[in-house]
Amino acid sequence: MALDEMLRGHLLEPEHLRNDDFEAFYRARMAALTGLVAEARGKPVVEVQGAEEAEVELDMGELDEGEVIRELA
């Protein structure tokens, strides 16, 4: 199928999209892009799981959506 070939050319797996399987889509996309980066750099990419930063709770109070975006930026 031509559409499948086009999607794969952009490192997208058509089956994950058709099955609405975001987790599989994300894992496959991350692996494909990581492979491209490793190839371009000529060395492996180190994958870090989780953030090293502490979680911070934001008090959004009565902000409207535009203010929330500015607060998070």
Foldseek 3Di string as FASTA:
>chain_A
DVVQVVCVVVQFHVVCVVVVPVVVRVVSSVVVVQVVVCVVVVHHDDDDPDDPDDDDDDDCDPDDPVVVVVVVD
